[in-house]
Amino acid sequence: MNRHMMQQAQKLQAQFLKIQEELANTTVEASSGGGAVRVTMNGQQQITAVKISPEVVNPADVEMLEALVLTAVREAQAKAQELAAKKMGALTGGLKLPGLM
């Protein structure tokens, strides 16, 4: 690898690390059940908070609460993936590189 290519690779790696840090510090939130269940996730798809309104906690209907949590988690994950794709797309020029998104 020539010197110029090595510098470009180092620059790309530095930008990638910066984006990873930004994603770790950026959050998305999703809710279900009209806001009864809220899930907060960072841009690296790590759940950082789950909030459940007391009125949806019904021991006789645990399945409903499970469905609300699952729905909110899936929505938060989709938002986090979209955020990561947008930030990585700026770095990769829209190319879909395996392992980066």
Protein backbone atom coordinates (compact mmCIF):
# COMPACT_ATOMS: atom_id res chain seq x y z
CA MET A 1 0.00 0.00 0.00
CA ASN A 2 1.42 3.37 -0.90
CA ARG A 3 1.62 6.23 1.56
CA HIS A 4 -1.42 8.05 0.17
CA MET A 5 -3.61 4.96 0.41
CA MET A 6 -2.43 4.35 3.97
CA GLN A 7 -3.35 7.93 4.93
CA GLN A 8 -6.77 7.53 3.33
CA ALA A 9 -7.34 4.28 5.23
CA GLN A 10 -6.35 5.94 8.51
CA LYS A 11 -8.65 8.88 7.80
CA LEU A 12 -11.53 6.51 7.01
CA GLN A 13 -10.90 4.56 10.20
CA ALA A 14 -10.88 7.76 12.27
CA GLN A 15 -14.18 8.85 10.69
CA PHE A 16 -15.66 5.41 11.35
CA LEU A 17 -14.65 5.56 15.02
CA LYS A 18 -16.13 9.05 15.33
CA ILE A 19 -19.44 7.85 13.87
CA GLN A 20 -19.46 4.87 16.24
CA GLU A 21 -19.00 7.26 19.17
CA GLU A 22 -21.77 9.53 17.88
CA LEU A 23 -24.09 6.54 17.54
CA ALA A 24 -23.33 5.45 21.10
CA ASN A 25 -24.25 8.93 22.33
CA THR A 26 -27.39 9.37 20.20
CA THR A 27 -30.71 7.91 21.29
CA VAL A 28 -33.98 7.07 19.61
CA GLU A 29 -37.26 6.43 21.37
CA ALA A 30 -40.23 4.35 20.35
CA SER A 31 -43.52 3.67 22.06
CA SER A 32 -46.54 1.43 21.82
CA GLY A 33 -49.96 1.33 23.39
CA GLY A 34 -50.38 5.07 22.96
CA GLY A 35 -47.20 5.74 24.92
CA ALA A 36 -47.90 3.18 27.66
CA VAL A 37 -44.61 1.43 26.87
CA ARG A 38 -41.56 3.46 25.82
CA VAL A 39 -38.17 2.09 24.82
CA THR A 40 -35.04 4.19 24.45
CA MET A 41 -32.14 2.78 22.45
CA ASN A 42 -28.82 4.23 21.38
CA GLY A 43 -27.59 4.30 17.80
CA GLN A 44 -25.66 1.08 18.43
CA GLN A 45 -28.96 -0.72 19.12
CA GLN A 46 -28.39 -1.04 22.86
CA ILE A 47 -31.52 -0.53 24.95
CA THR A 48 -30.86 2.20 27.47
CA ALA A 49 -34.30 2.52 29.10
CA VAL A 50 -37.73 0.91 29.24
CA LYS A 51 -40.65 2.80 30.76
CA ILE A 52 -43.99 1.10 31.45
CA SER A 53 -47.06 3.00 32.62
CA PRO A 54 -48.59 1.36 35.70
CA GLU A 55 -52.06 1.21 34.12
CA VAL A 56 -50.91 -1.40 31.57
CA VAL A 57 -49.53 -3.72 34.22
CA ASN A 58 -52.31 -6.26 34.57
CA PRO A 59 -51.38 -9.67 36.01
CA ALA A 60 -54.40 -11.15 34.24
CA ASP A 61 -53.14 -9.97 30.83
CA VAL A 62 -49.38 -10.38 30.77
CA GLU A 63 -49.48 -11.24 27.06
CA MET A 64 -50.69 -7.74 26.19
CA LEU A 65 -47.81 -6.13 28.09
CA GLU A 66 -45.33 -8.48 26.44
CA ALA A 67 -46.72 -7.55 23.01
CA LEU A 68 -46.48 -3.82 23.79
CA VAL A 69 -42.86 -4.19 24.94
CA LEU A 70 -41.94 -6.24 21.88
CA THR A 71 -43.56 -3.72 19.55
CA ALA A 72 -41.74 -0.78 21.15
CA VAL A 73 -38.39 -2.62 21.07
CA ARG A 74 -38.79 -3.50 17.40
CA GLU A 75 -39.71 0.08 16.51
CA ALA A 76 -36.74 1.45 18.47
CA GLN A 77 -34.45 -1.04 16.74
CA ALA A 78 -35.72 0.01 13.31
CA LYS A 79 -35.13 3.67 14.20
CA ALA A 80 -31.61 2.91 15.47
CA GLN A 81 -30.81 0.96 12.29
CA GLU A 82 -32.07 3.83 10.15
CA LEU A 83 -29.95 6.29 12.13
CA ALA A 84 -26.83 4.11 11.76
CA ALA A 85 -27.44 3.60 8.03
CA LYS A 86 -27.81 7.35 7.54
CA LYS A 87 -24.59 8.17 9.41
CA MET A 88 -22.61 5.34 7.82
CA GLY A 89 -24.02 6.18 4.39
CA ALA A 90 -22.38 9.58 4.64
CA LEU A 91 -19.05 7.88 5.33
CA THR A 92 -19.31 5.14 2.70
CA GLY A 93 -20.92 7.26 0.00
CA GLY A 94 -24.03 5.10 0.08
CA LEU A 95 -22.17 1.84 -0.43
CA LYS A 96 -23.51 -1.07 1.65
CA LEU A 97 -20.37 -2.52 3.14
CA PRO A 98 -20.76 -5.80 5.06
CA GLY A 99 -20.24 -5.41 8.79
CA LEU A 100 -20.73 -1.63 8.79
CA MET A 101 -24.54 -1.54 8.82
